[in-house]
């Protein structure tokens, strides 16, 4: 068995996965969303203190499995340094106390393996990763063969939802509340720009769209409920149209047989519907993680850890480092 730990941001999570069968034996997560909502976003120091309390509680629940472990997998990059340290410290303690090897897991790679929890992996695959911190298209050939084809030059897809929600006083996290509000809105009432529409670069950008929404909100103060819904609908439509436009350019070059969307924002149903249509147009199969595994979780860390275990991709406890920012997916 592998015990896996996730603490890259505001979710404390621990899982236990059987190596041979890939069966998920234990999985628990404690979300910090309520604690951070009053601040409109994640407060790193508060998140770190909450991980220090919650991770030991989760480990106590996983106690029945601790005597049968073969390795510990832990997220060490990328993420908030003060929160990554909490998970890494726990992994180091378990490694030293029980003589277990550590598998250092890149958080972005773990999101790819959220597709394969309790399943065999399917590669090659084109993957769109959209979350609160990242927006990128990846050409995934295997555990050690991942190439970044496109990424954001400023804000991420998920981050833009959070910031628009904050501007309208809707709380945190913004993704679910904007999506729900958009369902009640008229996306044609307001015309918002599609980022980089006439730019040949295959890249993503959400800062300009975010600013356009800010100006729209200022213009229509005070906002009534229908105006909020219409702005949410127009924003979501433009944000997704941007994803589609740039992804379509990549489809025409790569011609993927299999395409996947992963990350917390992949739970957005409008995104899923739009990309199902795109995949149908290009004859590609669309792969999606179950909704419970779209956001940060330890099950995906464990599933990724199994691949690392078979490849003996081990790290010594004393040399394990936290890498808050990394330009590659190792």
Protein backbone atom coordinates (compact mmCIF):
# COMPACT_ATOMS: atom_id res chain seq x y z
CA UNK A 1 0.00 0.00 0.00
CA UNK A 2 0.93 3.64 -0.52
CA UNK A 3 -0.12 6.39 1.85
CA UNK A 4 -0.48 9.73 0.05
CA UNK A 5 -0.60 13.27 1.43
CA UNK A 6 -1.90 16.46 -0.20
CA UNK A 7 -1.44 19.93 1.30
CA UNK A 8 -0.51 22.17 -1.63
CA UNK A 9 -3.17 24.79 -0.88
CA UNK A 10 -6.35 24.79 1.22
CA UNK A 11 -7.30 21.11 1.32
CA UNK A 12 -5.84 18.66 3.83
CA UNK A 13 -6.10 15.15 2.43
CA UNK A 14 -4.74 11.66 3.07
CA UNK A 15 -5.40 8.46 1.11
CA UNK A 16 -4.25 4.87 1.11
CA UNK A 17 -4.09 2.98 -2.20
CA UNK A 18 -3.33 -0.68 -2.85
CA UNK A 19 -0.41 -0.82 -5.24
CA UNK A 20 -1.15 -4.03 -7.15
CA UNK A 21 -4.87 -3.40 -7.77
CA UNK A 22 -4.85 0.42 -7.63
CA UNK A 23 -7.85 0.13 -5.34
CA UNK A 24 -8.54 3.15 -3.14
CA UNK A 25 -8.76 1.81 0.40
CA UNK A 26 -9.01 5.05 2.34
CA UNK A 27 -9.61 8.65 1.33
CA UNK A 28 -10.46 11.63 3.52
CA UNK A 29 -10.26 15.35 2.92
CA UNK A 30 -10.87 18.36 5.14
CA UNK A 31 -11.64 21.55 3.21
CA UNK A 32 -10.71 24.98 4.51
CA UNK A 33 -13.09 26.90 2.23
CA UNK A 34 -15.29 28.20 5.05
CA UNK A 35 -12.28 29.55 6.96
CA UNK A 36 -10.91 31.44 3.94
CA UNK A 37 -14.23 32.65 2.51
CA UNK A 38 -14.40 35.74 4.73
CA UNK A 39 -11.06 36.90 3.24
CA UNK A 40 -12.12 36.33 -0.37
CA UNK A 41 -9.24 33.93 -1.02
CA UNK A 42 -6.68 31.66 0.58
CA UNK A 43 -4.58 33.13 3.40
CA UNK A 44 -1.34 31.05 3.32
CA UNK A 45 -0.44 31.36 7.01
CA UNK A 46 -3.96 30.39 8.09
CA UNK A 47 -3.95 27.46 5.67
CA UNK A 48 -0.63 26.25 7.07
CA UNK A 49 -1.90 26.33 10.65
CA UNK A 50 -5.02 24.44 9.69
CA UNK A 51 -2.99 21.75 7.88
CA UNK A 52 -0.92 21.34 11.06
CA UNK A 53 -4.14 20.48 12.92
CA UNK A 54 -6.04 18.56 10.25
CA UNK A 55 -3.35 16.31 8.76
CA UNK A 56 -2.61 14.52 12.08
CA UNK A 57 -6.36 14.00 12.54
CA UNK A 58 -6.60 12.35 9.13
CA UNK A 59 -3.51 10.24 9.76
CA UNK A 60 -5.12 8.95 12.96
CA UNK A 61 -8.12 7.82 10.89
CA UNK A 62 -5.77 5.99 8.51
CA UNK A 63 -4.01 4.25 11.41
CA UNK A 64 -5.34 0.72 10.57
CA UNK A 65 -3.32 0.79 7.33
CA UNK A 66 -0.02 2.13 8.64
CA UNK A 67 1.60 -1.24 9.38
CA UNK A 68 1.22 -2.43 5.77
CA UNK A 69 2.71 0.48 3.89
CA UNK A 70 5.42 0.15 1.24
CA UNK A 71 5.88 3.87 0.53
CA UNK A 72 4.68 7.41 1.22
CA UNK A 73 3.70 9.73 -1.64
CA UNK A 74 3.49 13.47 -0.95
CA UNK A 75 2.87 16.60 -2.97
CA UNK A 76 6.02 18.74 -2.87
CA UNK A 77 5.44 21.02 -5.90
CA UNK A 78 3.97 23.38 -6.97
CA UNK A 79 1.85 25.18 -4.37
CA UNK A 80 2.07 27.43 -1.34
CA UNK A 81 5.42 26.87 0.35
CA UNK A 82 4.05 27.11 3.91
CA UNK A 83 1.33 24.55 3.22
CA UNK A 84 3.49 22.16 1.18
CA UNK A 85 5.88 22.06 4.15
CA UNK A 86 3.18 20.60 6.40
CA UNK A 87 2.61 17.59 4.16
CA UNK A 88 6.29 17.12 3.45
CA UNK A 89 7.13 17.19 7.17
CA UNK A 90 4.56 14.46 7.82
CA UNK A 91 5.94 12.35 4.97
CA UNK A 92 9.48 12.74 6.30
CA UNK A 93 8.41 11.70 9.79
CA UNK A 94 6.63 8.60 8.49
CA UNK A 95 9.56 7.71 6.26
CA UNK A 96 12.10 7.92 9.07
CA UNK A 97 9.90 6.23 11.68
CA UNK A 98 8.88 3.30 9.46
CA UNK A 99 11.81 3.08 7.05
CA UNK A 100 9.64 3.84 4.03
CA UNK A 101 10.75 5.37 0.72
CA UNK A 102 9.20 8.70 -0.27
CA UNK A 103 7.74 9.46 -3.70
CA UNK A 104 7.75 13.23 -4.32
CA UNK A 105 4.70 14.04 -6.46
CA UNK A 106 4.22 17.07 -8.68
CA UNK A 107 0.73 18.40 -8.00
CA UNK A 108 0.01 19.00 -11.70
CA UNK A 109 1.04 15.47 -12.61
CA UNK A 110 -1.22 14.19 -9.85
CA UNK A 111 -4.18 15.97 -11.48
CA UNK A 112 -3.48 14.01 -14.66
CA UNK A 113 -3.68 10.78 -12.68
CA UNK A 114 -7.03 11.83 -11.18
CA UNK A 115 -8.36 10.38 -14.44
CA UNK A 116 -7.03 6.94 -13.55
CA UNK A 117 -7.99 6.42 -9.90
CA UNK A 118 -8.68 2.67 -9.62
CA UNK A 119 -7.96 2.38 -13.37
CA UNK A 120 -5.11 1.72 -15.77
CA UNK A 121 -3.59 4.81 -17.37
CA UNK A 122 -4.22 5.63 -21.04
CA UNK A 123 -1.45 7.38 -22.95
CA UNK A 124 -0.71 9.27 -25.14
CA UNK A 125 -3.27 11.89 -24.28
CA UNK A 126 -3.79 15.63 -24.70
CA UNK A 127 -4.75 17.18 -21.35
CA UNK A 128 -6.27 20.56 -20.51
CA UNK A 129 -5.47 21.42 -16.89
CA UNK A 130 -7.61 24.22 -15.46
CA UNK A 131 -7.51 25.18 -11.80
CA UNK A 132 -7.20 28.11 -9.44
CA UNK A 133 -3.48 28.36 -10.12
CA UNK A 134 -2.93 26.91 -13.57
CA UNK A 135 -4.24 26.88 -17.13
CA UNK A 136 -2.25 24.75 -19.56
CA UNK A 137 -2.46 22.18 -22.32
CA UNK A 138 -0.20 19.17 -21.88
CA UNK A 139 0.98 16.51 -24.29
CA UNK A 140 1.19 13.50 -21.97
CA UNK A 141 3.07 10.46 -23.25
CA UNK A 142 3.78 8.81 -19.92
CA UNK A 143 4.81 9.30 -16.31
CA UNK A 144 8.17 10.79 -17.30
CA UNK A 145 7.16 12.25 -20.66
CA UNK A 146 4.97 15.35 -20.30
CA UNK A 147 5.33 18.39 -22.52
CA UNK A 148 3.67 21.77 -21.96
CA UNK A 149 2.09 22.96 -25.23
CA UNK A 150 0.40 26.11 -23.91
CA UNK A 151 0.05 27.95 -20.62
CA UNK A 152 -1.32 31.21 -19.24
CA UNK A 153 0.68 34.42 -19.47
CA UNK A 154 -1.11 35.95 -16.46
CA UNK A 155 -4.20 34.80 -14.53
CA UNK A 156 -5.49 31.24 -14.62
CA UNK A 157 -9.00 30.17 -15.64
CA UNK A 158 -10.03 29.27 -12.08
CA UNK A 159 -8.36 32.34 -10.60
CA UNK A 160 -10.39 34.61 -12.88
CA UNK A 161 -13.63 33.05 -11.59
CA UNK A 162 -12.49 33.68 -8.01
CA UNK A 163 -11.63 37.31 -8.75
CA UNK A 164 -14.89 38.04 -10.59
CA UNK A 165 -16.84 36.52 -7.72
CA UNK A 166 -14.91 38.68 -5.26
CA UNK A 167 -15.64 41.84 -7.31
CA UNK A 168 -19.35 41.07 -7.08
CA UNK A 169 -19.17 40.22 -3.38
CA UNK A 170 -20.11 36.57 -3.93
CA UNK A 171 -17.53 34.95 -1.65
CA UNK A 172 -14.87 32.26 -2.12
CA UNK A 173 -14.39 29.93 -3.94
CA UNK A 174 -15.76 31.73 -6.96
CA UNK A 175 -15.97 28.89 -9.48
CA UNK A 176 -19.11 27.13 -8.22
CA UNK A 177 -20.97 30.34 -7.36
CA UNK A 178 -20.27 31.97 -10.75
CA UNK A 179 -21.30 28.78 -12.56
CA UNK A 180 -24.56 28.57 -10.61
CA UNK A 181 -25.30 32.28 -11.08
CA UNK A 182 -24.55 32.08 -14.82
CA UNK A 183 -27.33 29.51 -15.23
CA UNK A 184 -29.84 32.24 -14.31
CA UNK A 185 -28.26 34.89 -16.53
CA UNK A 186 -28.50 36.10 -20.12
CA UNK A 187 -25.01 35.84 -21.70
CA UNK A 188 -26.07 38.09 -24.60
CA UNK A 189 -26.97 41.16 -22.50
CA UNK A 190 -23.33 42.18 -22.11
CA UNK A 191 -20.59 41.70 -24.70
CA UNK A 192 -17.22 40.88 -23.19
CA UNK A 193 -13.96 40.47 -25.13
CA UNK A 194 -12.56 37.02 -25.84
CA UNK A 195 -8.90 37.16 -24.75
CA UNK A 196 -6.20 36.98 -27.44
CA UNK A 197 -8.88 36.45 -30.10
CA UNK A 198 -6.76 38.03 -32.84
CA UNK A 199 -3.42 37.00 -31.37
CA UNK A 200 -1.64 34.13 -33.12
CA UNK A 201 0.03 32.91 -29.95
CA UNK A 202 -1.19 29.61 -28.53
CA UNK A 203 -1.42 30.84 -24.96
CA UNK A 204 -4.04 31.81 -22.42
CA UNK A 205 -4.72 35.14 -20.73
CA UNK A 206 -7.47 36.21 -18.33
CA UNK A 207 -6.27 39.54 -16.93
CA UNK A 208 -7.89 41.58 -19.72
CA UNK A 209 -11.23 39.79 -19.42
CA UNK A 210 -11.13 40.24 -15.66
CA UNK A 211 -10.55 43.97 -16.09
CA UNK A 212 -13.41 44.23 -18.60
CA UNK A 213 -15.71 42.63 -16.02
CA UNK A 214 -14.47 45.08 -13.38
CA UNK A 215 -15.40 48.05 -15.58
CA UNK A 216 -18.80 46.49 -16.32
CA UNK A 217 -19.49 46.05 -12.63
CA UNK A 218 -18.52 49.65 -11.91
CA UNK A 219 -20.77 50.92 -14.71
CA UNK A 220 -23.87 49.14 -13.41
CA UNK A 221 -23.63 49.94 -9.70
CA UNK A 222 -25.57 49.16 -7.64
CA UNK A 223 -25.89 45.62 -9.01
CA UNK A 224 -29.27 43.93 -8.83
CA UNK A 225 -29.48 40.15 -8.78
CA UNK A 226 -30.36 39.80 -12.47
CA UNK A 227 -27.45 42.03 -13.51
CA UNK A 228 -25.09 39.91 -11.42
CA UNK A 229 -26.41 36.78 -13.15
CA UNK A 230 -26.08 38.35 -16.61
CA UNK A 231 -22.49 39.47 -15.92
CA UNK A 232 -21.64 35.98 -14.63
CA UNK A 233 -23.14 34.39 -17.74
CA UNK A 234 -21.31 36.75 -20.11
CA UNK A 235 -18.02 36.26 -18.27
CA UNK A 236 -18.28 32.46 -18.19
CA UNK A 237 -19.16 32.37 -21.89
CA UNK A 238 -16.14 34.51 -22.83
CA UNK A 239 -13.79 32.58 -20.52
CA UNK A 240 -14.80 29.24 -22.05
CA UNK A 241 -14.74 30.62 -25.60
CA UNK A 242 -11.10 31.56 -25.02
CA UNK A 243 -10.25 28.03 -23.86
CA UNK A 244 -11.99 26.59 -26.92
CA UNK A 245 -10.38 28.95 -29.41
CA UNK A 246 -6.81 28.18 -28.34
CA UNK A 247 -7.48 24.46 -27.78
CA UNK A 248 -8.95 24.18 -31.27
CA UNK A 249 -5.68 25.49 -32.74
CA UNK A 250 -3.82 22.72 -30.88
CA UNK A 251 -6.35 20.08 -32.02
CA UNK A 252 -5.67 21.00 -35.65
CA UNK A 253 -1.95 20.40 -35.12
CA UNK A 254 -1.85 17.44 -32.73
CA UNK A 255 -5.02 15.54 -33.82
CA UNK A 256 -5.50 13.79 -30.44
CA UNK A 257 -7.27 10.47 -30.18
CA UNK A 258 -7.82 11.01 -26.46
CA UNK A 259 -8.40 14.34 -24.74
CA UNK A 260 -8.95 15.06 -21.05
CA UNK A 261 -9.82 17.97 -18.78
CA UNK A 262 -8.48 17.91 -15.21
CA UNK A 263 -8.15 20.28 -12.27
CA UNK A 264 -10.66 21.89 -9.94
CA UNK A 265 -12.30 23.98 -12.69
CA UNK A 266 -12.90 20.86 -14.79
CA UNK A 267 -16.00 20.31 -12.64
CA UNK A 268 -17.67 23.21 -14.48
CA UNK A 269 -20.52 21.67 -16.49
CA UNK A 270 -20.46 24.37 -19.18
CA UNK A 271 -16.77 23.61 -19.78
CA UNK A 272 -17.51 19.89 -20.02
CA UNK A 273 -20.35 20.44 -22.49
CA UNK A 274 -18.30 22.80 -24.67
CA UNK A 275 -15.34 20.44 -24.89
CA UNK A 276 -17.53 17.41 -25.54
CA UNK A 277 -18.74 19.25 -28.64
CA UNK A 278 -15.16 20.10 -29.62
CA UNK A 279 -14.02 16.49 -29.17
CA UNK A 280 -16.99 15.24 -31.20
CA UNK A 281 -16.07 17.67 -33.96
CA UNK A 282 -12.51 16.31 -34.11
CA UNK A 283 -13.32 12.65 -33.42
CA UNK A 284 -11.51 12.55 -30.06
CA UNK A 285 -12.63 10.70 -26.93
CA UNK A 286 -13.22 13.00 -23.94
CA UNK A 287 -11.95 11.81 -20.56
CA UNK A 288 -13.06 13.41 -17.27
CA UNK A 289 -12.26 12.65 -13.65
CA UNK A 290 -15.19 11.95 -11.31
CA UNK A 291 -16.41 15.21 -9.76
CA UNK A 292 -15.16 14.21 -6.29
CA UNK A 293 -11.59 13.97 -7.64
CA UNK A 294 -11.50 17.18 -9.73
CA UNK A 295 -10.42 19.40 -6.84
CA UNK A 296 -7.23 18.78 -4.85
CA UNK A 297 -7.21 15.36 -3.19
CA UNK A 298 -4.83 12.69 -1.94
CA UNK A 299 -6.29 9.89 -4.05
CA UNK A 300 -4.79 11.37 -7.20
CA UNK A 301 -1.45 11.78 -5.40
CA UNK A 302 -1.56 8.11 -4.45
CA UNK A 303 -2.47 7.01 -7.98
CA UNK A 304 0.44 9.02 -9.36
CA UNK A 305 2.61 7.59 -6.59
CA UNK A 306 1.94 4.05 -7.79
CA UNK A 307 3.58 4.89 -11.11
CA UNK A 308 6.53 6.37 -9.24
CA UNK A 309 6.75 3.27 -7.05
CA UNK A 310 7.06 0.92 -10.04
CA UNK A 311 9.74 3.15 -11.55
CA UNK A 312 11.56 3.38 -8.21
CA UNK A 313 11.27 7.16 -8.35
CA UNK A 314 12.19 7.49 -4.69
CA UNK A 315 13.49 10.42 -2.66
CA UNK A 316 15.40 10.26 0.61
CA UNK A 317 13.52 11.86 3.52
CA UNK A 318 16.34 14.24 4.39
CA UNK A 319 16.78 15.43 0.79
CA UNK A 320 13.09 16.00 0.06
CA UNK A 321 12.53 19.63 -0.91
CA UNK A 322 9.50 21.86 -1.32
CA UNK A 323 9.30 23.52 -4.74
CA UNK A 324 6.53 26.17 -4.62
CA UNK A 325 7.06 27.18 -8.25
CA UNK A 326 8.32 24.92 -10.98
CA UNK A 327 8.35 25.60 -14.74
CA UNK A 328 8.21 21.90 -15.60
CA UNK A 329 6.15 18.88 -14.64
CA UNK A 330 8.70 16.45 -13.30
